[in-house]
Amino acid sequence: MAPRGPGAEAWTRVVDVAGGRIAGFSTSPGPQADETEVRRCLVRAIGALAEWGRSRSALETPVTMVRLPPDTPVDAGLVAFVEAVLRRAPAHAGRLWLRLEPAATSVAAPGALASLRRLGPRVMLEATADDDAVVALADTPADGLTVSPSAIAADDWSAIQAGLSIARHHGLATLATGVGDAPTHERLRAIGCRWAEGPAYGDSLTRQEAASQHAVAASPRA
């Protein structure tokens, strides 16, 4: 695969755990990205979603996720920017997921998160080693919850299963991150995790490569 320069699009596969097929793709501007880089990443992601969704129904369009840095301000400015980009690049907005850490949502301007969701995008709380996304559910309107790479690496399946059970109770989609091998994929399938991503599913992709892989079978590495 050809090397990519700074700012190039890189997508990771998001796999439907039960179905064993690629359900969509995730991207990020990077944990230290500034506001300009975050907005460029959002423009690229919404552009990709519009491209992938052309001539497709919403259910046939790849899930498109953007993991935002922890200090991304969730405020009226972000809402207005996302609305403007969606207007310029009409897309199945309900297939766009913004992955936010609890620290970002806790300082959101009043109503900003709700306004963002009213535009169509879904919000997924990003579990990290420092923030308990499950606890944040009490105060944050969200549509999904991740299982962190640290939880996967610790092999603490009782905690993982408890988190998934709470997510299901709240009607949330679940995404396991940092999945490294086929046995982990199989355990996630057995306990009902919806989506997974990680090195088990291959290297990162360009937008063009991703477009050709949606809905194909995903065989996790052993």
C-alpha atoms as a PDB file:
ATOM      1  CA  MET A   1       0.000   0.000   0.000  1.00  0.00           C
ATOM      2  CA  ALA A   2       1.397   3.433  -0.912  1.00  0.00           C
ATOM      3  CA  PRO A   3       2.390   5.709   1.987  1.00  0.00           C
ATOM      4  CA  ARG A   4       0.048   8.575   2.767  1.00  0.00           C
ATOM      5  CA  GLY A   5       1.147  12.106   3.455  1.00  0.00           C
ATOM      6  CA  PRO A   6      -0.031  14.341   6.293  1.00  0.00           C
ATOM      7  CA  GLY A   7      -3.738  15.112   6.091  1.00  0.00           C
ATOM      8  CA  ALA A   8      -4.496  12.201   3.772  1.00  0.00           C
ATOM      9  CA  GLU A   9      -7.683  10.289   4.349  1.00  0.00           C
ATOM     10  CA  ALA A  10      -7.245   7.005   6.176  1.00  0.00           C
ATOM     11  CA  TRP A  11     -10.200   4.774   6.984  1.00  0.00           C
ATOM     12  CA  THR A  12     -10.475   1.721   9.209  1.00  0.00           C
ATOM     13  CA  ARG A  13     -13.058  -0.991   8.706  1.00  0.00           C
ATOM     14  CA  VAL A  14     -16.094  -1.166  10.994  1.00  0.00           C
ATOM     15  CA  VAL A  15     -17.313  -4.767  10.989  1.00  0.00           C
ATOM     16  CA  ASP A  16     -20.792  -6.099  11.719  1.00  0.00           C
ATOM     17  CA  VAL A  17     -19.775  -8.663  14.340  1.00  0.00           C
ATOM     18  CA  ALA A  18     -22.768 -10.976  13.965  1.00  0.00           C
ATOM     19  CA  GLY A  19     -22.897 -10.838  10.171  1.00  0.00           C
ATOM     20  CA  GLY A  20     -19.137 -10.913   9.596  1.00  0.00           C
ATOM     21  CA  ARG A  21     -19.286  -8.195   6.937  1.00  0.00           C
ATOM     22  CA  ILE A  22     -17.895  -4.689   6.644  1.00  0.00           C
ATOM     23  CA  ALA A  23     -20.634  -2.320   7.814  1.00  0.00           C
ATOM     24  CA  GLY A  24     -18.750   0.927   7.318  1.00  0.00           C
ATOM     25  CA  PHE A  25     -15.610   2.880   8.014  1.00  0.00           C
ATOM     26  CA  SER A  26     -14.103   5.140  10.674  1.00  0.00           C
ATOM     27  CA  THR A  27     -11.671   8.031  10.411  1.00  0.00           C
ATOM     28  CA  SER A  28     -10.091  10.616  12.725  1.00  0.00           C
ATOM     29  CA  PRO A  29      -8.135  13.861  12.405  1.00  0.00           C
ATOM     30  CA  GLY A  30      -5.860  12.596  15.197  1.00  0.00           C
ATOM     31  CA  PRO A  31      -5.869  13.149  18.968  1.00  0.00           C
ATOM     32  CA  GLN A  32      -3.912  16.423  18.782  1.00  0.00           C
ATOM     33  CA  ALA A  33      -5.747  17.958  15.817  1.00  0.00           C
ATOM     34  CA  ASP A  34      -6.665  21.624  16.004  1.00  0.00           C
ATOM     35  CA  GLU A  35     -10.063  23.043  15.044  1.00  0.00           C
ATOM     36  CA  THR A  36      -9.085  23.530  11.408  1.00  0.00           C
ATOM     37  CA  GLU A  37      -7.936  19.911  11.064  1.00  0.00           C
ATOM     38  CA  VAL A  38     -11.101  18.677  12.793  1.00  0.00           C
ATOM     39  CA  ARG A  39     -13.286  20.620  10.373  1.00  0.00           C
ATOM     40  CA  ARG A  40     -11.331  19.380   7.360  1.00  0.00           C
ATOM     41  CA  CYS A  41     -11.808  15.810   8.586  1.00  0.00           C
ATOM     42  CA  LEU A  42     -15.557  16.380   8.964  1.00  0.00           C
ATOM     43  CA  VAL A  43     -15.752  17.792   5.439  1.00  0.00           C
ATOM     44  CA  ARG A  44     -13.908  14.746   4.069  1.00  0.00           C
ATOM     45  CA  ALA A  45     -16.075  12.322   6.046  1.00  0.00           C
ATOM     46  CA  ILE A  46     -19.376  13.907   5.017  1.00  0.00           C
ATOM     47  CA  GLY A  47     -18.140  14.074   1.427  1.00  0.00           C
ATOM     48  CA  ALA A  48     -17.288  10.372   1.540  1.00  0.00           C
ATOM     49  CA  LEU A  49     -20.678   9.551   3.053  1.00  0.00           C
ATOM     50  CA  ALA A  50     -22.456  11.514   0.302  1.00  0.00           C
ATOM     51  CA  GLU A  51     -20.376   9.714  -2.326  1.00  0.00           C
ATOM     52  CA  TRP A  52     -20.907   6.264  -0.831  1.00  0.00           C
ATOM     53  CA  GLY A  53     -24.626   6.885  -0.360  1.00  0.00           C
ATOM     54  CA  ARG A  54     -25.274   8.041  -3.899  1.00  0.00           C
ATOM     55  CA  SER A  55     -27.931   5.812  -5.493  1.00  0.00           C
ATOM     56  CA  ARG A  56     -28.185   3.822  -2.240  1.00  0.00           C
ATOM     57  CA  SER A  57     -30.858   3.760   0.428  1.00  0.00           C
ATOM     58  CA  ALA A  58     -29.820   4.775   3.939  1.00  0.00           C
ATOM     59  CA  LEU A  59     -29.697   1.151   5.083  1.00  0.00           C
ATOM     60  CA  GLU A  60     -27.411   0.250   2.174  1.00  0.00           C
ATOM     61  CA  THR A  61     -25.017   3.135   2.853  1.00  0.00           C
ATOM     62  CA  PRO A  62     -21.841   2.457   4.871  1.00  0.00           C
ATOM     63  CA  VAL A  63     -21.818   3.608   8.467  1.00  0.00           C
ATOM     64  CA  THR A  64     -19.379   6.526   8.525  1.00  0.00           C
ATOM     65  CA  MET A  65     -17.682   7.359  11.832  1.00  0.00           C
ATOM     66  CA  VAL A  66     -15.498  10.294  12.846  1.00  0.00           C
ATOM     67  CA  ARG A  67     -13.551  10.051  16.090  1.00  0.00           C
ATOM     68  CA  LEU A  68     -13.051  13.595  17.366  1.00  0.00           C
ATOM     69  CA  PRO A  69     -10.202  14.689  19.667  1.00  0.00           C
ATOM     70  CA  PRO A  70     -10.973  14.904  23.403  1.00  0.00           C
ATOM     71  CA  ASP A  71     -10.865  18.712  23.483  1.00  0.00           C
ATOM     72  CA  THR A  72     -13.213  19.248  20.525  1.00  0.00           C
ATOM     73  CA  PRO A  73     -15.744  21.908  21.612  1.00  0.00           C
ATOM     74  CA  VAL A  74     -19.271  20.574  21.217  1.00  0.00           C
ATOM     75  CA  ASP A  75     -20.959  23.930  20.803  1.00  0.00           C
ATOM     76  CA  ALA A  76     -23.173  25.990  18.513  1.00  0.00           C
ATOM     77  CA  GLY A  77     -20.237  26.575  16.178  1.00  0.00           C
ATOM     78  CA  LEU A  78     -19.754  22.852  15.581  1.00  0.00           C
ATOM     79  CA  VAL A  79     -23.491  22.392  15.041  1.00  0.00           C
ATOM     80  CA  ALA A  80     -23.613  25.218  12.481  1.00  0.00           C
ATOM     81  CA  PHE A  81     -20.554  23.864  10.679  1.00  0.00           C
ATOM     82  CA  VAL A  82     -21.939  20.313  10.399  1.00  0.00           C
ATOM     83  CA  GLU A  83     -25.280  21.691   9.198  1.00  0.00           C
ATOM     84  CA  ALA A  84     -23.554  23.774   6.502  1.00  0.00           C
ATOM     85  CA  VAL A  85     -21.449  20.849   5.264  1.00  0.00           C
ATOM     86  CA  LEU A  86     -24.466  18.545   5.134  1.00  0.00           C
ATOM     87  CA  ARG A  87     -26.285  21.179   3.106  1.00  0.00           C
ATOM     88  CA  ARG A  88     -23.428  21.381   0.594  1.00  0.00           C
ATOM     89  CA  ALA A  89     -22.947  17.613   0.428  1.00  0.00           C
ATOM     90  CA  PRO A  90     -26.362  16.036   1.015  1.00  0.00           C
ATOM     91  CA  ALA A  91     -25.909  12.663   2.655  1.00  0.00           C
ATOM     92  CA  HIS A  92     -27.793  10.077   4.676  1.00  0.00           C
ATOM     93  CA  ALA A  93     -26.971  11.991   7.865  1.00  0.00           C
ATOM     94  CA  GLY A  94     -28.291   9.204  10.072  1.00  0.00           C
ATOM     95  CA  ARG A  95     -25.355   7.053   8.902  1.00  0.00           C
ATOM     96  CA  LEU A  96     -22.852   9.613  10.245  1.00  0.00           C
ATOM     97  CA  TRP A  97     -21.564   8.849  13.737  1.00  0.00           C
ATOM     98  CA  LEU A  98     -19.523  11.354  15.741  1.00  0.00           C
ATOM     99  CA  ARG A  99     -17.399   9.604  18.338  1.00  0.00           C
ATOM    100  CA  LEU A 100     -16.934  11.894  21.355  1.00  0.00           C
ATOM    101  CA  GLU A 101     -15.170  11.359  24.658  1.00  0.00           C
ATOM    102  CA  PRO A 102     -17.228  12.072  27.804  1.00  0.00           C
ATOM    103  CA  ALA A 103     -14.915  14.965  28.684  1.00  0.00           C
ATOM    104  CA  ALA A 104     -15.997  16.752  25.504  1.00  0.00           C
ATOM    105  CA  THR A 105     -19.706  16.241  26.073  1.00  0.00           C
ATOM    106  CA  SER A 106     -19.531  17.351  29.699  1.00  0.00           C
ATOM    107  CA  VAL A 107     -18.636  20.913  28.638  1.00  0.00           C
ATOM    108  CA  ALA A 108     -21.057  21.097  25.728  1.00  0.00           C
ATOM    109  CA  ALA A 109     -23.038  24.304  25.407  1.00  0.00           C
ATOM    110  CA  PRO A 110     -26.638  23.819  26.563  1.00  0.00           C
ATOM    111  CA  GLY A 111     -28.599  22.094  23.835  1.00  0.00           C
ATOM    112  CA  ALA A 112     -25.650  21.805  21.412  1.00  0.00           C
ATOM    113  CA  LEU A 113     -25.503  18.036  21.566  1.00  0.00           C
ATOM    114  CA  ALA A 114     -29.260  17.726  21.118  1.00  0.00           C
ATOM    115  CA  SER A 115     -29.131  20.172  18.183  1.00  0.00           C
ATOM    116  CA  LEU A 116     -26.363  18.148  16.578  1.00  0.00           C
ATOM    117  CA  ARG A 117     -28.415  14.955  16.825  1.00  0.00           C
ATOM    118  CA  ARG A 118     -31.491  16.693  15.395  1.00  0.00           C
ATOM    119  CA  LEU A 119     -29.497  17.316  12.216  1.00  0.00           C
ATOM    120  CA  GLY A 120     -29.263  13.531  11.776  1.00  0.00           C
ATOM    121  CA  PRO A 121     -25.766  12.520  12.967  1.00  0.00           C
ATOM    122  CA  ARG A 122     -25.559   9.995  15.788  1.00  0.00           C
ATOM    123  CA  VAL A 123     -23.376  10.419  18.870  1.00  0.00           C
ATOM    124  CA  MET A 124     -21.220   7.609  20.213  1.00  0.00           C
ATOM    125  CA  LEU A 125     -19.526   7.971  23.585  1.00  0.00           C
ATOM    126  CA  GLU A 126     -15.910   6.913  23.408  1.00  0.00           C
ATOM    127  CA  ALA A 127     -14.789   4.801  26.357  1.00  0.00           C
ATOM    128  CA  THR A 128     -11.197   5.505  27.391  1.00  0.00           C
ATOM    129  CA  ALA A 129      -8.913   4.450  30.219  1.00  0.00           C
ATOM    130  CA  ASP A 130      -9.530   7.812  31.950  1.00  0.00           C
ATOM    131  CA  ASP A 131     -13.258   8.390  31.383  1.00  0.00           C
ATOM    132  CA  ASP A 132     -16.137   6.085  32.213  1.00  0.00           C
ATOM    133  CA  ALA A 133     -18.486   6.430  29.276  1.00  0.00           C
ATOM    134  CA  VAL A 134     -21.083   4.222  30.985  1.00  0.00           C
ATOM    135  CA  VAL A 135     -21.348   6.691  33.884  1.00  0.00           C
ATOM    136  CA  ALA A 136     -21.608   9.580  31.414  1.00  0.00           C
ATOM    137  CA  LEU A 137     -24.752   8.038  29.914  1.00  0.00           C
ATOM    138  CA  ALA A 138     -26.753   9.414  32.839  1.00  0.00           C
ATOM    139  CA  ASP A 139     -26.143  13.005  31.695  1.00  0.00           C
ATOM    140  CA  THR A 140     -25.414  12.704  27.984  1.00  0.00           C
ATOM    141  CA  PRO A 141     -27.878  12.001  25.159  1.00  0.00           C
ATOM    142  CA  ALA A 142     -26.140   9.366  23.069  1.00  0.00           C
ATOM    143  CA  ASP A 143     -26.864   6.700  20.482  1.00  0.00           C
ATOM    144  CA  GLY A 144     -23.875   4.430  20.968  1.00  0.00           C
ATOM    145  CA  LEU A 145     -21.080   3.360  23.264  1.00  0.00           C
ATOM    146  CA  THR A 146     -17.615   1.947  22.561  1.00  0.00           C
ATOM    147  CA  VAL A 147     -15.629  -0.726  24.335  1.00  0.00           C
ATOM    148  CA  SER A 148     -12.132   0.699  24.731  1.00  0.00           C
ATOM    149  CA  PRO A 149      -8.907  -0.932  23.493  1.00  0.00           C
ATOM    150  CA  SER A 150      -7.692  -1.007  27.100  1.00  0.00           C
ATOM    151  CA  ALA A 151     -10.698  -3.126  28.140  1.00  0.00           C
ATOM    152  CA  ILE A 152     -10.071  -5.504  25.230  1.00  0.00           C
ATOM    153  CA  ALA A 153      -6.343  -5.706  26.042  1.00  0.00           C
ATOM    154  CA  ALA A 154      -7.075  -6.416  29.726  1.00  0.00           C
ATOM    155  CA  ASP A 155      -9.229  -9.375  28.690  1.00  0.00           C
ATOM    156  CA  ASP A 156     -11.765  -8.361  31.377  1.00  0.00           C
ATOM    157  CA  TRP A 157     -14.805  -9.988  29.835  1.00  0.00           C
ATOM    158  CA  SER A 158     -17.036  -9.573  32.872  1.00  0.00           C
ATOM    159  CA  ALA A 159     -16.585  -5.777  32.651  1.00  0.00           C
ATOM    160  CA  ILE A 160     -17.028  -5.803  28.870  1.00  0.00           C
ATOM    161  CA  GLN A 161     -20.213  -7.819  29.118  1.00  0.00           C
ATOM    162  CA  ALA A 162     -21.565  -5.541  31.872  1.00  0.00           C
ATOM    163  CA  GLY A 163     -20.922  -2.479  29.704  1.00  0.00           C
ATOM    164  CA  LEU A 164     -22.663  -4.072  26.727  1.00  0.00           C
ATOM    165  CA  SER A 165     -25.636  -5.013  28.891  1.00  0.00           C
ATOM    166  CA  ILE A 166     -26.005  -1.416  30.095  1.00  0.00           C
ATOM    167  CA  ALA A 167     -25.744  -0.153  26.520  1.00  0.00           C
ATOM    168  CA  ARG A 168     -28.467  -2.539  25.385  1.00  0.00           C
ATOM    169  CA  HIS A 169     -30.653  -1.425  28.294  1.00  0.00           C
ATOM    170  CA  HIS A 170     -30.378   2.135  26.983  1.00  0.00           C
ATOM    171  CA  GLY A 171     -31.011   1.020  23.395  1.00  0.00           C
ATOM    172  CA  LEU A 172     -27.510   1.965  22.261  1.00  0.00           C
ATOM    173  CA  ALA A 173     -25.385   0.580  19.455  1.00  0.00           C
ATOM    174  CA  THR A 174     -22.043  -0.851  20.601  1.00  0.00           C
ATOM    175  CA  LEU A 175     -18.597  -0.738  18.991  1.00  0.00           C
ATOM    176  CA  ALA A 176     -15.582  -2.671  20.276  1.00  0.00           C
ATOM    177  CA  THR A 177     -12.311  -0.934  19.438  1.00  0.00           C
ATOM    178  CA  GLY A 178      -8.808  -2.344  19.288  1.00  0.00           C
ATOM    179  CA  VAL A 179      -9.884  -5.863  18.309  1.00  0.00           C
ATOM    180  CA  GLY A 180      -6.694  -7.734  17.507  1.00  0.00           C
ATOM    181  CA  ASP A 181      -7.579 -11.311  16.636  1.00  0.00           C
ATOM    182  CA  ALA A 182     -10.279 -13.786  15.622  1.00  0.00           C
ATOM    183  CA  PRO A 183     -10.873 -15.240  19.132  1.00  0.00           C
ATOM    184  CA  THR A 184     -11.720 -11.749  20.415  1.00  0.00           C
ATOM    185  CA  HIS A 185     -14.103 -11.243  17.505  1.00  0.00           C
ATOM    186  CA  GLU A 186     -15.821 -14.531  18.345  1.00  0.00           C
ATOM    187  CA  ARG A 187     -16.210 -13.629  22.022  1.00  0.00           C
ATOM    188  CA  LEU A 188     -17.707 -10.269  21.054  1.00  0.00           C
ATOM    189  CA  ARG A 189     -20.123 -12.040  18.733  1.00  0.00           C
ATOM    190  CA  ALA A 190     -21.157 -14.399  21.526  1.00  0.00           C
ATOM    191  CA  ILE A 191     -22.024 -11.554  23.917  1.00  0.00           C
ATOM    192  CA  GLY A 192     -23.877  -9.488  21.323  1.00  0.00           C
ATOM    193  CA  CYS A 193     -21.557  -6.597  20.417  1.00  0.00           C
ATOM    194  CA  ARG A 194     -22.854  -4.918  17.262  1.00  0.00           C
ATOM    195  CA  TRP A 195     -19.712  -3.551  15.596  1.00  0.00           C
ATOM    196  CA  ALA A 196     -15.950  -3.944  15.937  1.00  0.00           C
ATOM    197  CA  GLU A 197     -12.799  -2.362  14.565  1.00  0.00           C
ATOM    198  CA  GLY A 198      -9.103  -2.935  15.004  1.00  0.00           C
ATOM    199  CA  PRO A 199      -5.993  -4.532  13.517  1.00  0.00           C
ATOM    200  CA  ALA A 200      -7.756  -7.901  13.242  1.00  0.00           C
ATOM    201  CA  TYR A 201      -9.610  -6.542  10.215  1.00  0.00           C
ATOM    202  CA  GLY A 202      -6.663  -5.269   8.195  1.00  0.00           C
ATOM    203  CA  ASP A 203      -4.727  -2.099   7.484  1.00  0.00           C
ATOM    204  CA  SER A 204      -6.188   1.349   6.868  1.00  0.00           C
ATOM    205  CA  LEU A 205      -7.779   2.216   3.529  1.00  0.00           C
ATOM    206  CA  THR A 206      -8.147   5.170   1.204  1.00  0.00           C
ATOM    207  CA  ARG A 207     -11.641   6.424   0.376  1.00  0.00           C
ATOM    208  CA  GLN A 208     -11.549   4.636  -2.981  1.00  0.00           C
ATOM    209  CA  GLU A 209     -10.422   1.358  -1.408  1.00  0.00           C
ATOM    210  CA  ALA A 210     -13.143   1.640   1.227  1.00  0.00           C
ATOM    211  CA  ALA A 211     -15.871   2.195  -1.365  1.00  0.00           C
ATOM    212  CA  SER A 212     -15.125  -1.174  -2.937  1.00  0.00           C
ATOM    213  CA  GLN A 213     -15.129  -3.084   0.366  1.00  0.00           C
ATOM    214  CA  HIS A 214     -18.452  -2.146   1.910  1.00  0.00           C
ATOM    215  CA  ALA A 215     -20.581  -5.217   2.713  1.00  0.00           C
ATOM    216  CA  VAL A 216     -17.856  -7.689   1.747  1.00  0.00           C
ATOM    217  CA  ALA A 217     -17.032 -10.543   4.125  1.00  0.00           C
ATOM    218  CA  ALA A 218     -14.540  -9.671   6.859  1.00  0.00           C
ATOM    219  CA  SER A 219     -12.372 -12.509   8.139  1.00  0.00           C
ATOM    220  CA  PRO A 220     -10.497 -11.408  11.285  1.00  0.00           C
ATOM    221  CA  ARG A 221      -6.863 -12.375  11.518  1.00  0.00           C
ATOM    222  CA  ALA A 222      -6.040 -15.283  13.803  1.00  0.00           C
END
